[in-house]
Amino acid sequence: VDENKVDILFRIQDMAPKYANQILIKGNYMTQDKVIRREMEFAEGDPINNKLIKDSIDNIKSLGFFKSVDIREIEKDNNYVDIVVEIEEQKTGDFSIGVSFSSLEGATFLSKLNQKNIAGTGRNVDLTINTASNNTEYGVSISEPRFFNKKFRFNYGINHQYRDYSTESSYKISKTNVNADIEFDIQKNLSNSIGILYELNN
């Protein structure tokens, strides 16, 4: 350091390359192996470094399925290492159900399901059912986080609603819509989506 000027020295050292021998996944009692493997920045046989390992941990954590994620290396022969991915799963969904009764609508059945990791596939499913006589709704939406194993999120769903406003406004409305969109990352923390929505109102 010379007053307000600083000389920076880059010291470059040769390092023996490391290659992934096996990728072993532990702790995924519900989530399928392929859901975790597709978030890895490398595969068996690929060269690895600390940045690729850190990025892989960040990718797996971003799924929101796991309480903790850790990757460690086990040295093997000839510059090969085994990669051990240790995860701890957590609750990924909720289900609510209820029945109400009123003198105007009678008995009404209500239920809602939200599951971020349905059957361990990594898919997000939202299901809504409302059977009120003048306020009926049925809907399901699904999100596929890795469309064709690419870094695209494919979202699609269908929803049907029926509203009876005949008492206060003298009309009834039936609405059905179908939607689909593809979402993709432009860069880290910045994404864009393009989609289509078809809606029929009667």
N, C-alpha and C. Protein backbone atom coordinates (compact mmCIF):
# COMPACT_ATOMS: atom_id res chain seq x y z
N VAL A 1 0.86 -1.19 0.00
CA VAL A 1 0.00 0.00 0.00
C VAL A 1 0.89 1.23 0.00
N ASP A 2 0.65 2.16 -0.92
CA ASP A 2 1.38 3.42 -1.01
C ASP A 2 0.36 4.54 -0.97
N GLU A 3 0.20 5.14 0.24
CA GLU A 3 -0.82 6.16 0.47
C GLU A 3 -2.19 5.61 0.07
N ASN A 4 -2.82 6.20 -0.93
CA ASN A 4 -4.16 5.73 -1.31
C ASN A 4 -4.13 4.80 -2.52
N LYS A 5 -2.96 4.28 -2.84
CA LYS A 5 -2.83 3.36 -3.96
C LYS A 5 -2.44 1.97 -3.45
N VAL A 6 -3.04 0.96 -4.07
CA VAL A 6 -2.81 -0.42 -3.64
C VAL A 6 -2.37 -1.26 -4.84
N ASP A 7 -1.27 -1.95 -4.69
CA ASP A 7 -0.84 -2.92 -5.70
C ASP A 7 -1.47 -4.27 -5.34
N ILE A 8 -2.04 -4.94 -6.35
CA ILE A 8 -2.67 -6.24 -6.13
C ILE A 8 -1.88 -7.29 -6.89
N LEU A 9 -1.47 -8.34 -6.17
CA LEU A 9 -0.72 -9.42 -6.76
C LEU A 9 -1.60 -10.67 -6.84
N PHE A 10 -1.77 -11.18 -8.04
CA PHE A 10 -2.49 -12.45 -8.23
C PHE A 10 -1.45 -13.57 -8.27
N ARG A 11 -1.52 -14.46 -7.30
CA ARG A 11 -0.60 -15.59 -7.25
C ARG A 11 -1.34 -16.83 -7.75
N ILE A 12 -0.97 -17.29 -8.91
CA ILE A 12 -1.65 -18.43 -9.54
C ILE A 12 -0.82 -19.68 -9.33
N GLN A 13 -1.49 -20.71 -8.76
CA GLN A 13 -0.79 -21.95 -8.47
C GLN A 13 -1.50 -23.11 -9.17
N ASP A 14 -0.71 -24.01 -9.73
CA ASP A 14 -1.28 -25.20 -10.33
C ASP A 14 -1.84 -26.12 -9.25
N MET A 15 -3.02 -26.68 -9.51
CA MET A 15 -3.63 -27.63 -8.59
C MET A 15 -4.00 -28.89 -9.36
N ALA A 16 -3.89 -30.00 -8.70
CA ALA A 16 -4.29 -31.26 -9.35
C ALA A 16 -5.80 -31.23 -9.55
N PRO A 17 -6.29 -31.54 -10.76
CA PRO A 17 -7.74 -31.53 -10.99
C PRO A 17 -8.44 -32.64 -10.21
N LYS A 18 -9.70 -32.38 -9.87
CA LYS A 18 -10.52 -33.38 -9.18
C LYS A 18 -11.71 -33.73 -10.05
N TYR A 19 -12.11 -34.98 -10.02
CA TYR A 19 -13.23 -35.45 -10.82
C TYR A 19 -14.22 -36.20 -9.92
N ALA A 20 -15.49 -36.06 -10.24
CA ALA A 20 -16.53 -36.73 -9.47
C ALA A 20 -16.58 -38.20 -9.86
N ASN A 21 -16.42 -39.08 -8.89
CA ASN A 21 -16.50 -40.51 -9.12
C ASN A 21 -17.96 -40.98 -9.03
N GLN A 22 -18.53 -40.93 -7.83
CA GLN A 22 -19.94 -41.24 -7.62
C GLN A 22 -20.60 -40.08 -6.90
N ILE A 23 -21.88 -39.87 -7.18
CA ILE A 23 -22.69 -38.91 -6.43
C ILE A 23 -23.68 -39.72 -5.61
N LEU A 24 -23.51 -39.68 -4.30
CA LEU A 24 -24.35 -40.46 -3.39
C LEU A 24 -25.26 -39.50 -2.64
N ILE A 25 -26.55 -39.83 -2.61
CA ILE A 25 -27.54 -38.97 -1.97
C ILE A 25 -28.11 -39.69 -0.75
N LYS A 26 -28.10 -38.99 0.39
CA LYS A 26 -28.59 -39.58 1.63
C LYS A 26 -29.63 -38.67 2.28
N GLY A 27 -30.63 -39.29 2.89
CA GLY A 27 -31.63 -38.55 3.65
C GLY A 27 -32.90 -38.24 2.89
N ASN A 28 -32.96 -38.58 1.60
CA ASN A 28 -34.17 -38.29 0.81
C ASN A 28 -35.13 -39.48 0.89
N TYR A 29 -35.90 -39.52 1.95
CA TYR A 29 -36.84 -40.62 2.14
C TYR A 29 -38.07 -40.48 1.25
N MET A 30 -38.40 -39.27 0.86
CA MET A 30 -39.57 -39.06 0.01
C MET A 30 -39.18 -38.54 -1.38
N THR A 31 -38.26 -37.61 -1.45
CA THR A 31 -37.89 -36.98 -2.71
C THR A 31 -37.07 -37.93 -3.58
N GLN A 32 -37.44 -38.04 -4.85
CA GLN A 32 -36.73 -38.92 -5.77
C GLN A 32 -35.32 -38.41 -6.05
N ASP A 33 -34.39 -39.34 -6.27
CA ASP A 33 -32.99 -38.99 -6.52
C ASP A 33 -32.85 -38.00 -7.69
N LYS A 34 -33.63 -38.24 -8.76
CA LYS A 34 -33.47 -37.42 -9.97
C LYS A 34 -33.80 -35.96 -9.72
N VAL A 35 -34.69 -35.68 -8.76
CA VAL A 35 -35.04 -34.30 -8.44
C VAL A 35 -33.84 -33.56 -7.88
N ILE A 36 -33.02 -34.27 -7.09
CA ILE A 36 -31.82 -33.66 -6.51
C ILE A 36 -30.69 -33.62 -7.53
N ARG A 37 -30.53 -34.71 -8.27
CA ARG A 37 -29.42 -34.79 -9.23
C ARG A 37 -29.51 -33.72 -10.32
N ARG A 38 -30.72 -33.39 -10.74
CA ARG A 38 -30.84 -32.39 -11.82
C ARG A 38 -30.51 -30.99 -11.34
N GLU A 39 -30.38 -30.78 -10.03
CA GLU A 39 -29.96 -29.49 -9.50
C GLU A 39 -28.45 -29.40 -9.33
N MET A 40 -27.75 -30.51 -9.52
CA MET A 40 -26.29 -30.51 -9.41
C MET A 40 -25.68 -29.85 -10.64
N GLU A 41 -24.59 -29.14 -10.42
CA GLU A 41 -23.90 -28.45 -11.52
C GLU A 41 -22.89 -29.35 -12.22
N PHE A 42 -22.83 -30.61 -11.82
CA PHE A 42 -21.90 -31.55 -12.44
C PHE A 42 -22.48 -32.95 -12.30
N ALA A 43 -21.92 -33.87 -13.07
CA ALA A 43 -22.34 -35.27 -13.02
C ALA A 43 -21.12 -36.16 -12.80
N GLU A 44 -21.34 -37.46 -12.65
CA GLU A 44 -20.21 -38.38 -12.50
C GLU A 44 -19.25 -38.24 -13.68
N GLY A 45 -17.97 -38.17 -13.35
CA GLY A 45 -16.94 -38.05 -14.38
C GLY A 45 -16.53 -36.63 -14.71
N ASP A 46 -17.32 -35.65 -14.27
CA ASP A 46 -17.01 -34.25 -14.57
C ASP A 46 -15.95 -33.71 -13.61
N PRO A 47 -15.14 -32.74 -14.07
CA PRO A 47 -14.24 -32.05 -13.14
C PRO A 47 -15.06 -31.20 -12.17
N ILE A 48 -14.60 -31.06 -10.94
CA ILE A 48 -15.35 -30.30 -9.94
C ILE A 48 -14.43 -29.31 -9.24
N ASN A 49 -15.03 -28.29 -8.67
CA ASN A 49 -14.30 -27.33 -7.84
C ASN A 49 -15.26 -26.79 -6.78
N ASN A 50 -14.76 -25.94 -5.91
CA ASN A 50 -15.56 -25.45 -4.79
C ASN A 50 -16.77 -24.63 -5.26
N LYS A 51 -16.61 -23.88 -6.36
CA LYS A 51 -17.73 -23.07 -6.84
C LYS A 51 -18.88 -23.95 -7.34
N LEU A 52 -18.56 -25.01 -8.06
CA LEU A 52 -19.61 -25.91 -8.55
C LEU A 52 -20.35 -26.56 -7.38
N ILE A 53 -19.62 -26.91 -6.33
CA ILE A 53 -20.24 -27.51 -5.16
C ILE A 53 -21.14 -26.51 -4.45
N LYS A 54 -20.66 -25.28 -4.29
CA LYS A 54 -21.48 -24.25 -3.63
C LYS A 54 -22.74 -23.96 -4.44
N ASP A 55 -22.60 -23.84 -5.77
CA ASP A 55 -23.77 -23.58 -6.62
C ASP A 55 -24.77 -24.73 -6.54
N SER A 56 -24.27 -25.96 -6.45
CA SER A 56 -25.17 -27.11 -6.33
C SER A 56 -25.95 -27.07 -5.03
N ILE A 57 -25.29 -26.70 -3.94
CA ILE A 57 -25.97 -26.57 -2.65
C ILE A 57 -27.06 -25.51 -2.73
N ASP A 58 -26.73 -24.36 -3.34
CA ASP A 58 -27.71 -23.27 -3.47
C ASP A 58 -28.92 -23.71 -4.30
N ASN A 59 -28.66 -24.46 -5.38
CA ASN A 59 -29.76 -24.94 -6.24
C ASN A 59 -30.70 -25.86 -5.47
N ILE A 60 -30.12 -26.78 -4.70
CA ILE A 60 -30.94 -27.73 -3.95
C ILE A 60 -31.73 -27.02 -2.86
N LYS A 61 -31.10 -26.08 -2.17
CA LYS A 61 -31.79 -25.33 -1.12
C LYS A 61 -32.96 -24.53 -1.68
N SER A 62 -32.79 -23.99 -2.89
CA SER A 62 -33.82 -23.14 -3.48
C SER A 62 -35.11 -23.90 -3.79
N LEU A 63 -35.06 -25.23 -3.82
CA LEU A 63 -36.28 -26.02 -4.05
C LEU A 63 -37.28 -25.82 -2.91
N GLY A 64 -36.78 -25.57 -1.70
CA GLY A 64 -37.65 -25.36 -0.55
C GLY A 64 -38.17 -26.65 0.06
N PHE A 65 -37.58 -27.80 -0.30
CA PHE A 65 -38.04 -29.09 0.22
C PHE A 65 -37.27 -29.53 1.45
N PHE A 66 -36.10 -28.93 1.69
CA PHE A 66 -35.17 -29.50 2.66
C PHE A 66 -34.83 -28.50 3.77
N LYS A 67 -34.71 -29.05 4.96
CA LYS A 67 -34.33 -28.24 6.13
C LYS A 67 -32.84 -27.91 6.10
N SER A 68 -32.03 -28.86 5.63
CA SER A 68 -30.59 -28.63 5.54
C SER A 68 -30.02 -29.40 4.36
N VAL A 69 -28.94 -28.86 3.79
CA VAL A 69 -28.24 -29.49 2.65
C VAL A 69 -26.74 -29.37 2.89
N ASP A 70 -26.03 -30.48 2.73
CA ASP A 70 -24.58 -30.45 2.89
C ASP A 70 -23.95 -31.38 1.86
N ILE A 71 -22.82 -30.97 1.30
CA ILE A 71 -22.08 -31.79 0.35
C ILE A 71 -20.66 -31.96 0.86
N ARG A 72 -20.22 -33.21 0.95
CA ARG A 72 -18.85 -33.48 1.37
C ARG A 72 -18.18 -34.41 0.37
N GLU A 73 -16.83 -34.40 0.40
CA GLU A 73 -16.04 -35.17 -0.56
C GLU A 73 -15.32 -36.30 0.17
N ILE A 74 -15.24 -37.45 -0.49
CA ILE A 74 -14.46 -38.58 0.01
C ILE A 74 -13.39 -38.90 -1.04
N GLU A 75 -12.14 -38.74 -0.65
CA GLU A 75 -11.03 -38.94 -1.58
C GLU A 75 -10.97 -40.38 -2.07
N LYS A 76 -10.75 -40.54 -3.39
CA LYS A 76 -10.55 -41.86 -4.00
C LYS A 76 -9.19 -41.84 -4.70
N ASP A 77 -8.96 -42.79 -5.56
CA ASP A 77 -7.68 -42.86 -6.27
C ASP A 77 -7.73 -42.04 -7.55
N ASN A 78 -6.52 -41.65 -8.04
CA ASN A 78 -6.36 -41.00 -9.35
C ASN A 78 -7.18 -39.73 -9.48
N ASN A 79 -7.13 -38.86 -8.46
CA ASN A 79 -7.79 -37.55 -8.48
C ASN A 79 -9.31 -37.63 -8.54
N TYR A 80 -9.89 -38.76 -8.20
CA TYR A 80 -11.34 -38.91 -8.17
C TYR A 80 -11.83 -38.82 -6.72
N VAL A 81 -13.01 -38.22 -6.56
CA VAL A 81 -13.62 -38.13 -5.24
C VAL A 81 -15.09 -38.55 -5.34
N ASP A 82 -15.58 -39.19 -4.29
CA ASP A 82 -17.01 -39.46 -4.17
C ASP A 82 -17.67 -38.23 -3.57
N ILE A 83 -18.81 -37.84 -4.13
CA ILE A 83 -19.57 -36.69 -3.63
C ILE A 83 -20.78 -37.22 -2.86
N VAL A 84 -20.84 -36.87 -1.58
CA VAL A 84 -21.94 -37.31 -0.73
C VAL A 84 -22.84 -36.11 -0.45
N VAL A 85 -24.08 -36.19 -0.92
CA VAL A 85 -25.07 -35.12 -0.71
C VAL A 85 -25.98 -35.56 0.44
N GLU A 86 -25.90 -34.87 1.56
CA GLU A 86 -26.70 -35.21 2.74
C GLU A 86 -27.77 -34.15 2.93
N ILE A 87 -29.02 -34.57 2.95
CA ILE A 87 -30.13 -33.64 3.08
C ILE A 87 -31.03 -34.05 4.24
N GLU A 88 -31.77 -33.11 4.74
CA GLU A 88 -32.80 -33.36 5.74
C GLU A 88 -34.10 -32.79 5.22
N GLU A 89 -35.07 -33.66 5.00
CA GLU A 89 -36.33 -33.23 4.42
C GLU A 89 -37.21 -32.52 5.46
N GLN A 90 -38.12 -31.71 4.96
CA GLN A 90 -39.06 -31.02 5.84
C GLN A 90 -40.46 -31.05 5.23
N LYS A 91 -41.43 -30.60 5.98
CA LYS A 91 -42.81 -30.56 5.51
C LYS A 91 -42.91 -29.67 4.27
N THR A 92 -43.57 -30.18 3.24
CA THR A 92 -43.66 -29.43 1.98
C THR A 92 -45.09 -29.12 1.54
N GLY A 93 -46.07 -29.44 2.38
CA GLY A 93 -47.44 -29.19 1.95
C GLY A 93 -48.39 -29.10 3.12
N ASP A 94 -49.61 -28.71 2.81
CA ASP A 94 -50.66 -28.67 3.82
C ASP A 94 -51.99 -28.98 3.16
N PHE A 95 -52.89 -29.51 3.96
CA PHE A 95 -54.22 -29.89 3.49
C PHE A 95 -55.24 -29.44 4.52
N SER A 96 -56.25 -28.72 4.06
CA SER A 96 -57.30 -28.27 4.97
C SER A 96 -58.65 -28.73 4.42
N ILE A 97 -59.54 -29.04 5.34
CA ILE A 97 -60.87 -29.52 4.95
C ILE A 97 -61.88 -29.02 5.98
N GLY A 98 -63.07 -28.70 5.51
CA GLY A 98 -64.07 -28.20 6.43
C GLY A 98 -65.48 -28.28 5.86
N VAL A 99 -66.44 -28.22 6.75
CA VAL A 99 -67.86 -28.24 6.36
C VAL A 99 -68.56 -27.12 7.11
N SER A 100 -69.36 -26.34 6.39
CA SER A 100 -70.12 -25.26 7.03
C SER A 100 -71.60 -25.41 6.66
N PHE A 101 -72.45 -24.77 7.44
CA PHE A 101 -73.89 -24.83 7.17
C PHE A 101 -74.49 -23.47 7.44
N SER A 102 -75.33 -23.02 6.51
CA SER A 102 -76.05 -21.76 6.70
C SER A 102 -77.47 -21.92 6.17
N SER A 103 -78.36 -21.06 6.64
CA SER A 103 -79.76 -21.15 6.20
C SER A 103 -79.92 -20.78 4.74
N LEU A 104 -78.98 -19.97 4.19
CA LEU A 104 -79.07 -19.57 2.78
C LEU A 104 -78.46 -20.60 1.85
N GLU A 105 -77.28 -21.12 2.19
CA GLU A 105 -76.54 -22.01 1.29
C GLU A 105 -76.66 -23.47 1.65
N GLY A 106 -77.14 -23.77 2.86
CA GLY A 106 -77.18 -25.16 3.28
C GLY A 106 -75.78 -25.64 3.64
N ALA A 107 -75.54 -26.92 3.47
CA ALA A 107 -74.24 -27.50 3.79
C ALA A 107 -73.23 -27.20 2.68
N THR A 108 -72.05 -26.80 3.08
CA THR A 108 -70.98 -26.46 2.14
C THR A 108 -69.72 -27.24 2.51
N PHE A 109 -69.12 -27.85 1.50
CA PHE A 109 -67.87 -28.59 1.69
C PHE A 109 -66.72 -27.76 1.15
N LEU A 110 -65.68 -27.58 1.95
CA LEU A 110 -64.52 -26.78 1.56
C LEU A 110 -63.25 -27.61 1.74
N SER A 111 -62.37 -27.57 0.78
CA SER A 111 -61.08 -28.25 0.94
C SER A 111 -60.04 -27.56 0.08
N LYS A 112 -58.79 -27.62 0.56
CA LYS A 112 -57.68 -27.01 -0.18
C LYS A 112 -56.42 -27.80 0.09
N LEU A 113 -55.70 -28.10 -0.97
CA LEU A 113 -54.44 -28.84 -0.88
C LEU A 113 -53.34 -28.05 -1.56
N ASN A 114 -52.21 -27.92 -0.88
CA ASN A 114 -51.02 -27.32 -1.46
C ASN A 114 -49.84 -28.22 -1.15
N GLN A 115 -49.24 -28.78 -2.17
CA GLN A 115 -48.11 -29.68 -1.99
C GLN A 115 -47.00 -29.29 -2.96
N LYS A 116 -45.83 -28.90 -2.41
CA LYS A 116 -44.72 -28.45 -3.24
C LYS A 116 -43.93 -29.59 -3.86
N ASN A 117 -44.08 -30.79 -3.31
CA ASN A 117 -43.25 -31.90 -3.75
C ASN A 117 -44.12 -33.16 -3.82
N ILE A 118 -45.12 -33.13 -4.71
CA ILE A 118 -46.10 -34.21 -4.76
C ILE A 118 -45.42 -35.53 -5.17
N ALA A 119 -45.61 -36.55 -4.36
CA ALA A 119 -45.06 -37.89 -4.60
C ALA A 119 -43.54 -37.88 -4.80
N GLY A 120 -42.87 -36.85 -4.26
CA GLY A 120 -41.42 -36.78 -4.36
C GLY A 120 -40.89 -36.41 -5.72
N THR A 121 -41.76 -35.92 -6.62
CA THR A 121 -41.35 -35.60 -7.99
C THR A 121 -40.87 -34.17 -8.17
N GLY A 122 -41.02 -33.32 -7.13
CA GLY A 122 -40.64 -31.93 -7.25
C GLY A 122 -41.73 -31.04 -7.83
N ARG A 123 -42.86 -31.62 -8.22
CA ARG A 123 -43.96 -30.83 -8.78
C ARG A 123 -44.75 -30.16 -7.67
N ASN A 124 -45.24 -28.97 -7.97
CA ASN A 124 -46.08 -28.21 -7.04
C ASN A 124 -47.53 -28.33 -7.49
N VAL A 125 -48.41 -28.77 -6.59
CA VAL A 125 -49.82 -28.96 -6.92
C VAL A 125 -50.68 -28.16 -5.96
N ASP A 126 -51.62 -27.38 -6.51
CA ASP A 126 -52.63 -26.67 -5.72
C ASP A 126 -54.00 -27.16 -6.15
N LEU A 127 -54.81 -27.56 -5.17
CA LEU A 127 -56.16 -28.07 -5.45
C LEU A 127 -57.15 -27.33 -4.56
N THR A 128 -58.23 -26.80 -5.18
CA THR A 128 -59.25 -26.07 -4.44
C THR A 128 -60.63 -26.63 -4.78
N ILE A 129 -61.44 -26.87 -3.75
CA ILE A 129 -62.82 -27.33 -3.94
C ILE A 129 -63.72 -26.56 -2.99
N ASN A 130 -64.76 -25.95 -3.54
CA ASN A 130 -65.77 -25.23 -2.75
C ASN A 130 -67.13 -25.57 -3.34
N THR A 131 -68.00 -26.21 -2.54
CA THR A 131 -69.28 -26.69 -3.08
C THR A 131 -70.48 -25.86 -2.63
N ALA A 132 -70.25 -24.61 -2.19
CA ALA A 132 -71.39 -23.76 -1.82
C ALA A 132 -72.32 -23.59 -3.02
N SER A 133 -73.63 -23.61 -2.77
CA SER A 133 -74.60 -23.61 -3.85
C SER A 133 -74.53 -22.34 -4.71
N ASN A 134 -74.22 -21.19 -4.11
CA ASN A 134 -74.15 -19.95 -4.89
C ASN A 134 -72.72 -19.42 -5.01
N ASN A 135 -71.75 -20.24 -4.63
CA ASN A 135 -70.35 -19.82 -4.73
C ASN A 135 -69.48 -21.07 -4.88
N THR A 136 -69.56 -21.69 -6.07
CA THR A 136 -68.88 -22.96 -6.32
C THR A 136 -67.55 -22.71 -7.02
N GLU A 137 -66.54 -23.47 -6.63
CA GLU A 137 -65.24 -23.34 -7.29
C GLU A 137 -64.52 -24.69 -7.26
N TYR A 138 -63.98 -25.06 -8.42
CA TYR A 138 -63.12 -26.22 -8.55
C TYR A 138 -61.88 -25.78 -9.32
N GLY A 139 -60.73 -26.08 -8.80
CA GLY A 139 -59.52 -25.65 -9.50
C GLY A 139 -58.33 -26.52 -9.17
N VAL A 140 -57.45 -26.68 -10.15
CA VAL A 140 -56.19 -27.37 -9.93
C VAL A 140 -55.11 -26.69 -10.76
N SER A 141 -53.95 -26.50 -10.16
CA SER A 141 -52.81 -25.93 -10.87
C SER A 141 -51.57 -26.73 -10.53
N ILE A 142 -50.72 -26.93 -11.52
CA ILE A 142 -49.52 -27.75 -11.37
C ILE A 142 -48.33 -26.97 -11.90
N SER A 143 -47.22 -27.07 -11.20
CA SER A 143 -45.98 -26.42 -11.62
C SER A 143 -44.88 -27.46 -11.73
N GLU A 144 -44.29 -27.56 -12.91
CA GLU A 144 -43.18 -28.48 -13.16
C GLU A 144 -41.89 -27.67 -13.16
N PRO A 145 -41.01 -27.82 -12.14
CA PRO A 145 -39.85 -26.94 -12.03
C PRO A 145 -38.77 -27.16 -13.07
N ARG A 146 -38.70 -28.35 -13.64
CA ARG A 146 -37.68 -28.64 -14.65
C ARG A 146 -38.35 -29.28 -15.86
N PHE A 147 -38.80 -28.45 -16.77
CA PHE A 147 -39.53 -28.92 -17.95
C PHE A 147 -38.55 -29.58 -18.90
N PHE A 148 -38.77 -30.88 -19.20
CA PHE A 148 -37.86 -31.67 -20.02
C PHE A 148 -36.42 -31.63 -19.49
N ASN A 149 -36.30 -31.56 -18.15
CA ASN A 149 -35.00 -31.50 -17.47
C ASN A 149 -34.17 -30.28 -17.86
N LYS A 150 -34.83 -29.24 -18.35
CA LYS A 150 -34.17 -27.98 -18.66
C LYS A 150 -34.52 -26.96 -17.57
N LYS A 151 -33.82 -25.85 -17.58
CA LYS A 151 -34.07 -24.84 -16.55
C LYS A 151 -35.25 -23.95 -16.94
N PHE A 152 -36.39 -24.61 -17.17
CA PHE A 152 -37.65 -23.93 -17.46
C PHE A 152 -38.70 -24.45 -16.49
N ARG A 153 -39.53 -23.56 -15.96
CA ARG A 153 -40.65 -23.96 -15.12
C ARG A 153 -41.93 -23.89 -15.94
N PHE A 154 -42.64 -24.99 -16.02
CA PHE A 154 -43.87 -25.07 -16.79
C PHE A 154 -45.04 -25.11 -15.82
N ASN A 155 -45.91 -24.10 -15.90
CA ASN A 155 -47.06 -23.99 -15.01
C ASN A 155 -48.34 -24.10 -15.83
N TYR A 156 -49.30 -24.88 -15.35
CA TYR A 156 -50.56 -25.04 -16.07
C TYR A 156 -51.67 -25.38 -15.08
N GLY A 157 -52.89 -25.06 -15.48
CA GLY A 157 -54.01 -25.34 -14.58
C GLY A 157 -55.35 -25.05 -15.22
N ILE A 158 -56.39 -25.45 -14.50
CA ILE A 158 -57.77 -25.20 -14.94
C ILE A 158 -58.59 -24.82 -13.71
N ASN A 159 -59.52 -23.90 -13.91
CA ASN A 159 -60.34 -23.41 -12.80
C ASN A 159 -61.76 -23.15 -13.29
N HIS A 160 -62.73 -23.57 -12.49
CA HIS A 160 -64.14 -23.30 -12.81
C HIS A 160 -64.80 -22.67 -11.61
N GLN A 161 -65.51 -21.55 -11.85
CA GLN A 161 -66.22 -20.83 -10.78
C GLN A 161 -67.67 -20.59 -11.20
N TYR A 162 -68.55 -20.67 -10.21
CA TYR A 162 -69.96 -20.34 -10.44
C TYR A 162 -70.39 -19.39 -9.31
N ARG A 163 -70.94 -18.24 -9.70
CA ARG A 163 -71.40 -17.25 -8.73
C ARG A 163 -72.87 -16.93 -9.00
N ASP A 164 -73.66 -16.94 -7.96
CA ASP A 164 -75.08 -16.64 -8.07
C ASP A 164 -75.35 -15.28 -7.41
N TYR A 165 -75.54 -14.25 -8.25
CA TYR A 165 -75.84 -12.91 -7.76
C TYR A 165 -77.30 -12.54 -8.03
N SER A 166 -78.16 -13.55 -8.22
CA SER A 166 -79.55 -13.28 -8.61
C SER A 166 -80.32 -12.51 -7.54
N THR A 167 -79.98 -12.71 -6.28
CA THR A 167 -80.71 -12.02 -5.21
C THR A 167 -80.42 -10.53 -5.20
N GLU A 168 -79.14 -10.16 -5.27
CA GLU A 168 -78.78 -8.75 -5.16
C GLU A 168 -78.59 -8.06 -6.51
N SER A 169 -78.24 -8.80 -7.56
CA SER A 169 -77.92 -8.14 -8.83
C SER A 169 -78.61 -8.77 -10.04
N SER A 170 -79.44 -9.76 -9.84
CA SER A 170 -80.29 -10.35 -10.89
C SER A 170 -79.50 -11.04 -12.00
N TYR A 171 -78.37 -11.65 -11.67
CA TYR A 171 -77.67 -12.44 -12.69
C TYR A 171 -76.82 -13.51 -12.02
N LYS A 172 -76.45 -14.50 -12.83
CA LYS A 172 -75.54 -15.56 -12.42
C LYS A 172 -74.39 -15.59 -13.41
N ILE A 173 -73.24 -16.04 -12.97
CA ILE A 173 -72.09 -16.10 -13.86
C ILE A 173 -71.35 -17.41 -13.66
N SER A 174 -70.99 -18.02 -14.79
CA SER A 174 -70.16 -19.22 -14.79
C SER A 174 -68.87 -18.89 -15.54
N LYS A 175 -67.73 -19.15 -14.90
CA LYS A 175 -66.45 -18.76 -15.48
C LYS A 175 -65.50 -19.97 -15.46
N THR A 176 -64.93 -20.27 -16.62
CA THR A 176 -63.96 -21.36 -16.73
C THR A 176 -62.72 -20.83 -17.43
N ASN A 177 -61.56 -21.12 -16.88
CA ASN A 177 -60.33 -20.69 -17.55
C ASN A 177 -59.29 -21.80 -17.52
N VAL A 178 -58.50 -21.81 -18.57
CA VAL A 178 -57.37 -22.73 -18.70
C VAL A 178 -56.13 -21.88 -18.98
N ASN A 179 -55.04 -22.19 -18.29
CA ASN A 179 -53.83 -21.37 -18.48
C ASN A 179 -52.60 -22.24 -18.52
N ALA A 180 -51.58 -21.73 -19.19
CA ALA A 180 -50.27 -22.40 -19.25
C ALA A 180 -49.22 -21.33 -19.50
N ASP A 181 -48.09 -21.47 -18.83
CA ASP A 181 -46.99 -20.54 -19.07
C ASP A 181 -45.66 -21.21 -18.78
N ILE A 182 -44.62 -20.68 -19.41
CA ILE A 182 -43.26 -21.15 -19.19
C ILE A 182 -42.46 -20.01 -18.57
N GLU A 183 -41.78 -20.31 -17.48
CA GLU A 183 -40.99 -19.30 -16.76
C GLU A 183 -39.52 -19.70 -16.84
N PHE A 184 -38.66 -18.73 -17.08
CA PHE A 184 -37.23 -19.02 -17.20
C PHE A 184 -36.43 -17.89 -16.58
N ASP A 185 -35.23 -18.23 -16.13
CA ASP A 185 -34.34 -17.25 -15.50
C ASP A 185 -33.51 -16.54 -16.56
N ILE A 186 -33.54 -15.21 -16.49
CA ILE A 186 -32.66 -14.42 -17.35
C ILE A 186 -31.27 -14.37 -16.74
N GLN A 187 -31.23 -14.18 -15.45
CA GLN A 187 -30.01 -14.24 -14.67
C GLN A 187 -30.42 -14.56 -13.24
N LYS A 188 -29.47 -14.67 -12.36
CA LYS A 188 -29.79 -15.04 -10.98
C LYS A 188 -30.70 -13.98 -10.37
N ASN A 189 -31.80 -14.44 -9.75
CA ASN A 189 -32.79 -13.57 -9.10
C ASN A 189 -33.59 -12.71 -10.08
N LEU A 190 -33.55 -13.04 -11.37
CA LEU A 190 -34.35 -12.31 -12.34
C LEU A 190 -34.92 -13.31 -13.35
N SER A 191 -36.25 -13.39 -13.41
CA SER A 191 -36.89 -14.36 -14.30
C SER A 191 -37.94 -13.69 -15.18
N ASN A 192 -38.33 -14.38 -16.22
CA ASN A 192 -39.35 -13.89 -17.13
C ASN A 192 -40.28 -15.06 -17.46
N SER A 193 -41.48 -14.75 -17.90
CA SER A 193 -42.42 -15.82 -18.25
C SER A 193 -43.25 -15.41 -19.45
N ILE A 194 -43.70 -16.41 -20.19
CA ILE A 194 -44.58 -16.18 -21.32
C ILE A 194 -45.64 -17.27 -21.27
N GLY A 195 -46.90 -16.89 -21.50
CA GLY A 195 -47.96 -17.87 -21.35
C GLY A 195 -49.22 -17.49 -22.09
N ILE A 196 -50.23 -18.33 -21.92
CA ILE A 196 -51.51 -18.12 -22.58
C ILE A 196 -52.63 -18.43 -21.59
N LEU A 197 -53.68 -17.65 -21.66
CA LEU A 197 -54.85 -17.85 -20.80
C LEU A 197 -56.10 -17.81 -21.69
N TYR A 198 -56.93 -18.85 -21.57
CA TYR A 198 -58.22 -18.87 -22.27
C TYR A 198 -59.32 -18.86 -21.21
N GLU A 199 -60.24 -17.90 -21.31
CA GLU A 199 -61.30 -17.78 -20.31
C GLU A 199 -62.64 -17.68 -21.00
N LEU A 200 -63.62 -18.42 -20.48
CA LEU A 200 -64.98 -18.43 -21.00
C LEU A 200 -65.92 -17.99 -19.90
N ASN A 201 -66.64 -16.90 -20.15
CA ASN A 201 -67.61 -16.37 -19.20
C ASN A 201 -69.03 -16.54 -19.77
N ASN A 202 -69.92 -17.04 -18.96
CA ASN A 202 -71.29 -17.21 -19.40
C ASN A 202 -72.20 -16.51 -18.38
